[in-house]
Amino acid sequence: MEKIINWWEEHDSREQMMIAVGGFIAVLILFFLFVISPIMDWHAQEKKRLAQARADVSEVQMLAARIQAKKQSGNSAKGGQSLAVVIDKSIQENELVMRGFQPGSKKDARLRLENAPYPALTQWLYDLEYKHKVKIEDLSLTPSKLPGRLMVSLRVAE
């Protein structure tokens, strides 16, 4: 410590003032770099997270309102149509050909499709389940003689 005091006293008052100001500026820069800057970065990240959380909450509220409105309206995705009508319309929309339709006793039916192209079949099955809310109970796929085509047997229910 004595060496530092001796070193300080060796300089005249003008040099001491310049050293003190330079030291003060160096301390301010270090304080900014190691204290203020990390706090500002953390604050910016938290603002982004808060904005994302608010967006998520508003989306969930909007979806909940839609679900509640659907429940209150009581409308099904089928619009009150019978299972046979829903299946017939959806098959036509996906350009498939039905070779057999056998209605069941428990609001179900058995279907048979021949030479169904795979992409159209998968889209139709997706539409049945998610768009028309028809459950696929049993599904049997066998290759057709034509490449990329399938023979399909399935049982569906409301």
N, C-alpha and C. Protein backbone atom coordinates (compact mmCIF):
# COMPACT_ATOMS: atom_id res chain seq x y z
N MET A 1 0.82 -1.18 0.00
CA MET A 1 0.00 0.00 0.00
C MET A 1 0.88 1.26 0.00
N GLU A 2 1.98 1.13 0.68
CA GLU A 2 2.92 2.26 0.76
C GLU A 2 3.47 2.61 -0.62
N LYS A 3 3.69 1.58 -1.45
CA LYS A 3 4.20 1.81 -2.80
C LYS A 3 3.19 2.61 -3.61
N ILE A 4 1.93 2.30 -3.46
CA ILE A 4 0.88 3.01 -4.20
C ILE A 4 0.82 4.47 -3.77
N ILE A 5 0.91 4.71 -2.46
CA ILE A 5 0.88 6.09 -1.95
C ILE A 5 2.08 6.86 -2.48
N ASN A 6 3.25 6.23 -2.45
CA ASN A 6 4.47 6.88 -2.98
C ASN A 6 4.32 7.17 -4.47
N TRP A 7 3.80 6.22 -5.20
CA TRP A 7 3.60 6.42 -6.63
C TRP A 7 2.66 7.59 -6.88
N TRP A 8 1.58 7.66 -6.10
CA TRP A 8 0.59 8.75 -6.23
C TRP A 8 1.23 10.11 -5.94
N GLU A 9 2.00 10.15 -4.91
CA GLU A 9 2.61 11.42 -4.50
C GLU A 9 3.70 11.87 -5.46
N GLU A 10 4.26 10.96 -6.25
CA GLU A 10 5.29 11.32 -7.22
C GLU A 10 4.72 12.19 -8.34
N HIS A 11 3.42 12.10 -8.58
CA HIS A 11 2.79 12.85 -9.67
C HIS A 11 2.31 14.20 -9.16
N ASP A 12 2.32 15.17 -10.07
CA ASP A 12 1.83 16.49 -9.66
C ASP A 12 0.30 16.47 -9.66
N SER A 13 -0.31 17.55 -9.21
CA SER A 13 -1.76 17.58 -9.01
C SER A 13 -2.52 17.41 -10.33
N ARG A 14 -1.99 17.94 -11.43
CA ARG A 14 -2.65 17.79 -12.72
C ARG A 14 -2.68 16.31 -13.14
N GLU A 15 -1.58 15.59 -12.97
CA GLU A 15 -1.52 14.16 -13.31
C GLU A 15 -2.41 13.35 -12.38
N GLN A 16 -2.43 13.73 -11.10
CA GLN A 16 -3.30 13.04 -10.15
C GLN A 16 -4.77 13.18 -10.55
N MET A 17 -5.15 14.38 -11.01
CA MET A 17 -6.52 14.63 -11.44
C MET A 17 -6.86 13.76 -12.66
N MET A 18 -5.91 13.68 -13.63
CA MET A 18 -6.14 12.87 -14.83
C MET A 18 -6.24 11.39 -14.49
N ILE A 19 -5.41 10.92 -13.57
CA ILE A 19 -5.45 9.52 -13.15
C ILE A 19 -6.77 9.22 -12.44
N ALA A 20 -7.20 10.15 -11.56
CA ALA A 20 -8.46 9.95 -10.82
C ALA A 20 -9.65 9.91 -11.79
N VAL A 21 -9.70 10.85 -12.74
CA VAL A 21 -10.81 10.87 -13.69
C VAL A 21 -10.77 9.61 -14.56
N GLY A 22 -9.59 9.22 -15.03
CA GLY A 22 -9.47 8.00 -15.83
C GLY A 22 -9.90 6.76 -15.05
N GLY A 23 -9.51 6.70 -13.79
CA GLY A 23 -9.91 5.57 -12.94
C GLY A 23 -11.41 5.54 -12.73
N PHE A 24 -11.99 6.73 -12.52
CA PHE A 24 -13.44 6.82 -12.32
C PHE A 24 -14.17 6.37 -13.58
N ILE A 25 -13.69 6.81 -14.75
CA ILE A 25 -14.31 6.40 -16.01
C ILE A 25 -14.17 4.90 -16.21
N ALA A 26 -13.00 4.34 -15.88
CA ALA A 26 -12.79 2.89 -16.01
C ALA A 26 -13.75 2.12 -15.10
N VAL A 27 -13.94 2.62 -13.88
CA VAL A 27 -14.88 1.97 -12.95
C VAL A 27 -16.30 2.05 -13.50
N LEU A 28 -16.70 3.19 -14.07
CA LEU A 28 -18.03 3.32 -14.65
C LEU A 28 -18.23 2.36 -15.82
N ILE A 29 -17.23 2.24 -16.68
CA ILE A 29 -17.32 1.31 -17.82
C ILE A 29 -17.45 -0.13 -17.33
N LEU A 30 -16.63 -0.52 -16.37
CA LEU A 30 -16.71 -1.87 -15.83
C LEU A 30 -18.06 -2.12 -15.16
N PHE A 31 -18.56 -1.13 -14.43
CA PHE A 31 -19.87 -1.26 -13.78
C PHE A 31 -20.96 -1.46 -14.83
N PHE A 32 -20.89 -0.69 -15.91
CA PHE A 32 -21.87 -0.83 -16.98
C PHE A 32 -21.78 -2.21 -17.63
N LEU A 33 -20.54 -2.64 -17.94
CA LEU A 33 -20.36 -3.91 -18.63
C LEU A 33 -20.79 -5.12 -17.79
N PHE A 34 -20.49 -5.08 -16.49
CA PHE A 34 -20.72 -6.26 -15.67
C PHE A 34 -21.97 -6.20 -14.79
N VAL A 35 -22.62 -5.05 -14.70
CA VAL A 35 -23.82 -4.96 -13.87
C VAL A 35 -25.01 -4.47 -14.69
N ILE A 36 -24.91 -3.31 -15.26
CA ILE A 36 -26.06 -2.70 -15.94
C ILE A 36 -26.42 -3.46 -17.22
N SER A 37 -25.44 -3.79 -18.06
CA SER A 37 -25.72 -4.47 -19.33
C SER A 37 -26.40 -5.83 -19.13
N PRO A 38 -25.93 -6.69 -18.21
CA PRO A 38 -26.65 -7.96 -18.00
C PRO A 38 -28.08 -7.75 -17.49
N ILE A 39 -28.28 -6.74 -16.66
CA ILE A 39 -29.63 -6.47 -16.16
C ILE A 39 -30.53 -6.03 -17.31
N MET A 40 -30.01 -5.20 -18.21
CA MET A 40 -30.80 -4.75 -19.36
C MET A 40 -31.13 -5.91 -20.30
N ASP A 41 -30.17 -6.81 -20.51
CA ASP A 41 -30.42 -7.98 -21.36
C ASP A 41 -31.49 -8.88 -20.74
N TRP A 42 -31.39 -9.10 -19.44
CA TRP A 42 -32.37 -9.93 -18.74
C TRP A 42 -33.75 -9.28 -18.84
N HIS A 43 -33.82 -7.97 -18.67
CA HIS A 43 -35.09 -7.26 -18.75
C HIS A 43 -35.71 -7.40 -20.14
N ALA A 44 -34.91 -7.29 -21.19
CA ALA A 44 -35.41 -7.43 -22.56
C ALA A 44 -35.95 -8.84 -22.79
N GLN A 45 -35.24 -9.85 -22.29
CA GLN A 45 -35.70 -11.23 -22.44
C GLN A 45 -37.02 -11.45 -21.70
N GLU A 46 -37.13 -10.88 -20.52
CA GLU A 46 -38.36 -11.04 -19.75
C GLU A 46 -39.53 -10.33 -20.42
N LYS A 47 -39.28 -9.19 -21.05
CA LYS A 47 -40.34 -8.50 -21.79
C LYS A 47 -40.83 -9.36 -22.95
N LYS A 48 -39.89 -10.01 -23.66
CA LYS A 48 -40.28 -10.89 -24.76
C LYS A 48 -41.09 -12.06 -24.24
N ARG A 49 -40.65 -12.65 -23.14
CA ARG A 49 -41.38 -13.78 -22.57
C ARG A 49 -42.79 -13.38 -22.13
N LEU A 50 -42.89 -12.20 -21.54
CA LEU A 50 -44.20 -11.71 -21.11
C LEU A 50 -45.11 -11.49 -22.31
N ALA A 51 -44.59 -10.90 -23.37
CA ALA A 51 -45.39 -10.68 -24.58
C ALA A 51 -45.86 -12.01 -25.16
N GLN A 52 -44.97 -13.01 -25.19
CA GLN A 52 -45.35 -14.32 -25.70
C GLN A 52 -46.41 -14.97 -24.81
N ALA A 53 -46.25 -14.85 -23.51
CA ALA A 53 -47.23 -15.42 -22.58
C ALA A 53 -48.59 -14.76 -22.77
N ARG A 54 -48.60 -13.44 -22.95
CA ARG A 54 -49.87 -12.74 -23.18
C ARG A 54 -50.52 -13.19 -24.48
N ALA A 55 -49.71 -13.37 -25.53
CA ALA A 55 -50.24 -13.85 -26.80
C ALA A 55 -50.81 -15.26 -26.64
N ASP A 56 -50.11 -16.11 -25.89
CA ASP A 56 -50.60 -17.47 -25.66
C ASP A 56 -51.92 -17.45 -24.90
N VAL A 57 -52.00 -16.62 -23.88
CA VAL A 57 -53.23 -16.54 -23.09
C VAL A 57 -54.39 -16.06 -23.94
N SER A 58 -54.17 -15.05 -24.78
CA SER A 58 -55.26 -14.56 -25.61
C SER A 58 -55.70 -15.61 -26.62
N GLU A 59 -54.74 -16.39 -27.15
CA GLU A 59 -55.11 -17.45 -28.09
C GLU A 59 -55.91 -18.54 -27.39
N VAL A 60 -55.50 -18.91 -26.19
CA VAL A 60 -56.23 -19.92 -25.43
C VAL A 60 -57.63 -19.42 -25.10
N GLN A 61 -57.76 -18.16 -24.72
CA GLN A 61 -59.07 -17.60 -24.42
C GLN A 61 -59.96 -17.61 -25.66
N MET A 62 -59.39 -17.29 -26.81
CA MET A 62 -60.16 -17.29 -28.05
C MET A 62 -60.63 -18.71 -28.39
N LEU A 63 -59.73 -19.68 -28.25
CA LEU A 63 -60.10 -21.06 -28.53
C LEU A 63 -61.15 -21.57 -27.54
N ALA A 64 -61.00 -21.18 -26.29
CA ALA A 64 -61.98 -21.58 -25.28
C ALA A 64 -63.34 -20.99 -25.60
N ALA A 65 -63.37 -19.74 -26.06
CA ALA A 65 -64.64 -19.12 -26.42
C ALA A 65 -65.28 -19.84 -27.61
N ARG A 66 -64.46 -20.25 -28.58
CA ARG A 66 -64.99 -21.01 -29.72
C ARG A 66 -65.60 -22.33 -29.27
N ILE A 67 -64.86 -23.03 -28.41
CA ILE A 67 -65.34 -24.32 -27.92
C ILE A 67 -66.64 -24.13 -27.15
N GLN A 68 -66.68 -23.11 -26.30
CA GLN A 68 -67.89 -22.85 -25.51
C GLN A 68 -69.06 -22.52 -26.43
N ALA A 69 -68.81 -21.72 -27.45
CA ALA A 69 -69.88 -21.37 -28.38
C ALA A 69 -70.37 -22.60 -29.13
N LYS A 70 -69.45 -23.48 -29.49
CA LYS A 70 -69.85 -24.72 -30.17
C LYS A 70 -70.69 -25.60 -29.27
N LYS A 71 -70.28 -25.69 -28.00
CA LYS A 71 -71.04 -26.50 -27.05
C LYS A 71 -72.44 -25.94 -26.85
N GLN A 72 -72.53 -24.63 -26.74
CA GLN A 72 -73.83 -24.00 -26.51
C GLN A 72 -74.74 -24.11 -27.72
N SER A 73 -74.16 -24.02 -28.91
CA SER A 73 -75.00 -24.10 -30.11
C SER A 73 -75.50 -25.52 -30.35
N GLY A 74 -74.73 -26.49 -29.88
CA GLY A 74 -75.16 -27.88 -30.00
C GLY A 74 -75.06 -28.43 -31.41
N ASN A 75 -74.44 -27.69 -32.31
CA ASN A 75 -74.30 -28.17 -33.69
C ASN A 75 -73.16 -29.15 -33.78
N SER A 76 -73.43 -30.26 -34.41
CA SER A 76 -72.34 -31.21 -34.64
C SER A 76 -71.66 -30.86 -35.94
N ALA A 77 -70.50 -31.44 -36.18
CA ALA A 77 -69.78 -31.18 -37.42
C ALA A 77 -70.54 -31.72 -38.62
N LYS A 78 -71.42 -32.69 -38.38
CA LYS A 78 -72.18 -33.29 -39.46
C LYS A 78 -73.39 -32.44 -39.84
N GLY A 79 -73.72 -31.45 -39.02
CA GLY A 79 -74.84 -30.58 -39.33
C GLY A 79 -76.17 -31.31 -39.25
N GLY A 80 -76.28 -32.34 -38.43
CA GLY A 80 -77.53 -33.06 -38.26
C GLY A 80 -77.79 -34.07 -39.38
N GLN A 81 -76.85 -34.30 -40.27
CA GLN A 81 -77.03 -35.23 -41.36
C GLN A 81 -76.78 -36.66 -40.88
N SER A 82 -77.37 -37.59 -41.59
CA SER A 82 -77.16 -38.99 -41.21
C SER A 82 -75.75 -39.42 -41.60
N LEU A 83 -75.34 -40.51 -41.02
CA LEU A 83 -74.00 -41.04 -41.27
C LEU A 83 -73.81 -41.38 -42.75
N ALA A 84 -74.85 -41.94 -43.37
CA ALA A 84 -74.75 -42.32 -44.78
C ALA A 84 -74.54 -41.09 -45.67
N VAL A 85 -75.24 -40.00 -45.37
CA VAL A 85 -75.11 -38.78 -46.17
C VAL A 85 -73.71 -38.19 -46.00
N VAL A 86 -73.23 -38.15 -44.77
CA VAL A 86 -71.89 -37.62 -44.50
C VAL A 86 -70.84 -38.42 -45.25
N ILE A 87 -70.93 -39.73 -45.18
CA ILE A 87 -69.96 -40.60 -45.85
C ILE A 87 -70.04 -40.42 -47.36
N ASP A 88 -71.24 -40.40 -47.90
CA ASP A 88 -71.40 -40.24 -49.34
C ASP A 88 -70.81 -38.92 -49.83
N LYS A 89 -71.10 -37.82 -49.14
CA LYS A 89 -70.57 -36.51 -49.53
C LYS A 89 -69.04 -36.47 -49.43
N SER A 90 -68.52 -37.03 -48.35
CA SER A 90 -67.07 -36.98 -48.15
C SER A 90 -66.34 -37.87 -49.17
N ILE A 91 -66.94 -38.98 -49.55
CA ILE A 91 -66.33 -39.83 -50.57
C ILE A 91 -66.30 -39.11 -51.91
N GLN A 92 -67.39 -38.43 -52.23
CA GLN A 92 -67.42 -37.67 -53.49
C GLN A 92 -66.42 -36.52 -53.47
N GLU A 93 -66.28 -35.83 -52.33
CA GLU A 93 -65.33 -34.72 -52.22
C GLU A 93 -63.89 -35.20 -52.47
N ASN A 94 -63.59 -36.42 -52.05
CA ASN A 94 -62.23 -36.95 -52.21
C ASN A 94 -62.08 -37.84 -53.44
N GLU A 95 -63.11 -37.86 -54.29
CA GLU A 95 -63.09 -38.59 -55.56
C GLU A 95 -62.75 -40.07 -55.38
N LEU A 96 -63.40 -40.67 -54.40
CA LEU A 96 -63.26 -42.11 -54.18
C LEU A 96 -64.53 -42.80 -54.66
N VAL A 97 -64.44 -44.13 -54.82
CA VAL A 97 -65.60 -44.90 -55.27
C VAL A 97 -65.92 -45.95 -54.21
N MET A 98 -67.17 -45.91 -53.71
CA MET A 98 -67.61 -46.85 -52.70
C MET A 98 -68.27 -48.04 -53.41
N ARG A 99 -67.86 -49.25 -53.04
CA ARG A 99 -68.41 -50.46 -53.65
C ARG A 99 -69.41 -51.17 -52.74
N GLY A 100 -69.47 -50.76 -51.49
CA GLY A 100 -70.42 -51.39 -50.59
C GLY A 100 -70.67 -50.54 -49.37
N PHE A 101 -71.95 -50.49 -48.93
CA PHE A 101 -72.32 -49.75 -47.72
C PHE A 101 -73.36 -50.58 -47.01
N GLN A 102 -73.07 -50.91 -45.74
CA GLN A 102 -73.98 -51.73 -44.95
C GLN A 102 -74.23 -51.03 -43.63
N PRO A 103 -75.39 -50.41 -43.44
CA PRO A 103 -75.66 -49.74 -42.16
C PRO A 103 -75.81 -50.76 -41.04
N GLY A 104 -75.37 -50.36 -39.85
CA GLY A 104 -75.47 -51.22 -38.68
C GLY A 104 -76.60 -50.78 -37.78
N SER A 105 -76.74 -51.46 -36.66
CA SER A 105 -77.85 -51.17 -35.74
C SER A 105 -77.46 -50.15 -34.67
N LYS A 106 -76.20 -49.86 -34.48
CA LYS A 106 -75.76 -48.97 -33.41
C LYS A 106 -75.14 -47.69 -33.97
N LYS A 107 -75.80 -47.07 -34.95
CA LYS A 107 -75.30 -45.85 -35.59
C LYS A 107 -73.89 -46.07 -36.14
N ASP A 108 -73.70 -47.22 -36.75
CA ASP A 108 -72.43 -47.52 -37.40
C ASP A 108 -72.71 -48.07 -38.79
N ALA A 109 -71.66 -48.26 -39.55
CA ALA A 109 -71.81 -48.78 -40.91
C ALA A 109 -70.51 -49.44 -41.34
N ARG A 110 -70.66 -50.38 -42.27
CA ARG A 110 -69.50 -51.03 -42.87
C ARG A 110 -69.39 -50.54 -44.31
N LEU A 111 -68.18 -50.24 -44.74
CA LEU A 111 -67.93 -49.73 -46.07
C LEU A 111 -66.87 -50.55 -46.78
N ARG A 112 -66.93 -50.52 -48.10
CA ARG A 112 -65.89 -51.15 -48.89
C ARG A 112 -65.54 -50.22 -50.05
N LEU A 113 -64.26 -49.95 -50.20
CA LEU A 113 -63.77 -49.15 -51.31
C LEU A 113 -62.80 -50.00 -52.11
N GLU A 114 -62.86 -49.84 -53.43
CA GLU A 114 -61.96 -50.61 -54.29
C GLU A 114 -61.07 -49.66 -55.08
N ASN A 115 -59.82 -50.05 -55.24
CA ASN A 115 -58.83 -49.29 -56.02
C ASN A 115 -58.76 -47.83 -55.59
N ALA A 116 -58.69 -47.62 -54.29
CA ALA A 116 -58.61 -46.26 -53.75
C ALA A 116 -57.16 -45.78 -53.79
N PRO A 117 -56.90 -44.62 -54.40
CA PRO A 117 -55.54 -44.08 -54.39
C PRO A 117 -55.15 -43.69 -52.96
N TYR A 118 -53.93 -44.02 -52.60
CA TYR A 118 -53.47 -43.80 -51.22
C TYR A 118 -53.63 -42.36 -50.75
N PRO A 119 -53.18 -41.34 -51.50
CA PRO A 119 -53.31 -39.96 -51.00
C PRO A 119 -54.76 -39.55 -50.76
N ALA A 120 -55.65 -39.89 -51.68
CA ALA A 120 -57.06 -39.54 -51.52
C ALA A 120 -57.66 -40.28 -50.33
N LEU A 121 -57.25 -41.54 -50.14
CA LEU A 121 -57.76 -42.33 -49.02
C LEU A 121 -57.34 -41.73 -47.69
N THR A 122 -56.08 -41.37 -47.54
CA THR A 122 -55.63 -40.79 -46.28
C THR A 122 -56.32 -39.46 -46.00
N GLN A 123 -56.53 -38.66 -47.03
CA GLN A 123 -57.24 -37.38 -46.83
C GLN A 123 -58.68 -37.64 -46.41
N TRP A 124 -59.33 -38.63 -47.03
CA TRP A 124 -60.70 -38.95 -46.69
C TRP A 124 -60.83 -39.45 -45.24
N LEU A 125 -59.90 -40.32 -44.84
CA LEU A 125 -59.92 -40.81 -43.46
C LEU A 125 -59.71 -39.66 -42.48
N TYR A 126 -58.81 -38.76 -42.81
CA TYR A 126 -58.58 -37.58 -41.96
C TYR A 126 -59.86 -36.74 -41.86
N ASP A 127 -60.49 -36.48 -43.02
CA ASP A 127 -61.73 -35.69 -43.03
C ASP A 127 -62.81 -36.35 -42.19
N LEU A 128 -62.96 -37.67 -42.32
CA LEU A 128 -63.97 -38.38 -41.53
C LEU A 128 -63.76 -38.15 -40.04
N GLU A 129 -62.53 -38.36 -39.59
CA GLU A 129 -62.25 -38.27 -38.15
C GLU A 129 -62.32 -36.85 -37.62
N TYR A 130 -61.69 -35.91 -38.30
CA TYR A 130 -61.52 -34.58 -37.72
C TYR A 130 -62.51 -33.54 -38.23
N LYS A 131 -62.95 -33.66 -39.44
CA LYS A 131 -63.87 -32.68 -39.99
C LYS A 131 -65.32 -33.07 -39.70
N HIS A 132 -65.62 -34.37 -39.88
CA HIS A 132 -67.00 -34.84 -39.71
C HIS A 132 -67.24 -35.55 -38.38
N LYS A 133 -66.20 -35.72 -37.58
CA LYS A 133 -66.31 -36.35 -36.26
C LYS A 133 -66.89 -37.76 -36.32
N VAL A 134 -66.52 -38.50 -37.34
CA VAL A 134 -66.94 -39.89 -37.48
C VAL A 134 -65.79 -40.76 -37.00
N LYS A 135 -66.09 -41.72 -36.13
CA LYS A 135 -65.05 -42.59 -35.58
C LYS A 135 -64.80 -43.77 -36.51
N ILE A 136 -63.55 -44.07 -36.74
CA ILE A 136 -63.18 -45.25 -37.52
C ILE A 136 -62.91 -46.37 -36.53
N GLU A 137 -63.81 -47.35 -36.53
CA GLU A 137 -63.73 -48.45 -35.56
C GLU A 137 -62.77 -49.54 -36.03
N ASP A 138 -62.93 -50.00 -37.25
CA ASP A 138 -62.07 -51.05 -37.81
C ASP A 138 -61.62 -50.60 -39.19
N LEU A 139 -60.40 -50.96 -39.54
CA LEU A 139 -59.87 -50.60 -40.86
C LEU A 139 -58.99 -51.73 -41.36
N SER A 140 -59.25 -52.15 -42.59
CA SER A 140 -58.46 -53.21 -43.21
C SER A 140 -58.04 -52.72 -44.59
N LEU A 141 -56.72 -52.75 -44.85
CA LEU A 141 -56.17 -52.31 -46.13
C LEU A 141 -55.43 -53.47 -46.77
N THR A 142 -55.71 -53.69 -48.05
CA THR A 142 -54.96 -54.69 -48.80
C THR A 142 -54.57 -54.07 -50.15
N PRO A 143 -53.39 -54.43 -50.65
CA PRO A 143 -52.96 -53.85 -51.92
C PRO A 143 -53.87 -54.30 -53.07
N SER A 144 -54.09 -53.41 -53.98
CA SER A 144 -54.86 -53.71 -55.18
C SER A 144 -53.91 -54.21 -56.26
N LYS A 145 -54.46 -54.67 -57.35
CA LYS A 145 -53.62 -55.10 -58.47
C LYS A 145 -52.98 -53.90 -59.15
N LEU A 146 -53.61 -52.72 -59.00
CA LEU A 146 -53.06 -51.50 -59.58
C LEU A 146 -52.06 -50.89 -58.61
N PRO A 147 -50.92 -50.41 -59.09
CA PRO A 147 -49.92 -49.83 -58.18
C PRO A 147 -50.43 -48.53 -57.55
N GLY A 148 -50.14 -48.38 -56.25
CA GLY A 148 -50.54 -47.17 -55.52
C GLY A 148 -52.00 -47.15 -55.13
N ARG A 149 -52.69 -48.25 -55.32
CA ARG A 149 -54.13 -48.32 -55.01
C ARG A 149 -54.36 -49.39 -53.94
N LEU A 150 -55.43 -49.22 -53.17
CA LEU A 150 -55.72 -50.13 -52.06
C LEU A 150 -57.17 -50.58 -52.09
N MET A 151 -57.40 -51.77 -51.56
CA MET A 151 -58.74 -52.27 -51.30
C MET A 151 -58.98 -51.97 -49.81
N VAL A 152 -60.10 -51.35 -49.49
CA VAL A 152 -60.33 -50.86 -48.13
C VAL A 152 -61.65 -51.41 -47.62
N SER A 153 -61.61 -51.94 -46.41
CA SER A 153 -62.82 -52.32 -45.68
C SER A 153 -62.74 -51.63 -44.34
N LEU A 154 -63.82 -50.97 -43.93
CA LEU A 154 -63.80 -50.32 -42.64
C LEU A 154 -65.17 -50.26 -42.03
N ARG A 155 -65.18 -50.07 -40.72
CA ARG A 155 -66.41 -49.88 -39.97
C ARG A 155 -66.30 -48.52 -39.29
N VAL A 156 -67.32 -47.71 -39.45
CA VAL A 156 -67.34 -46.37 -38.87
C VAL A 156 -68.55 -46.23 -37.95
N ALA A 157 -68.45 -45.28 -37.04
CA ALA A 157 -69.56 -45.03 -36.11
C ALA A 157 -69.64 -43.54 -35.82
N GLU A 158 -70.85 -43.09 -35.46
CA GLU A 158 -71.04 -41.68 -35.11
C GLU A 158 -70.42 -41.37 -33.78
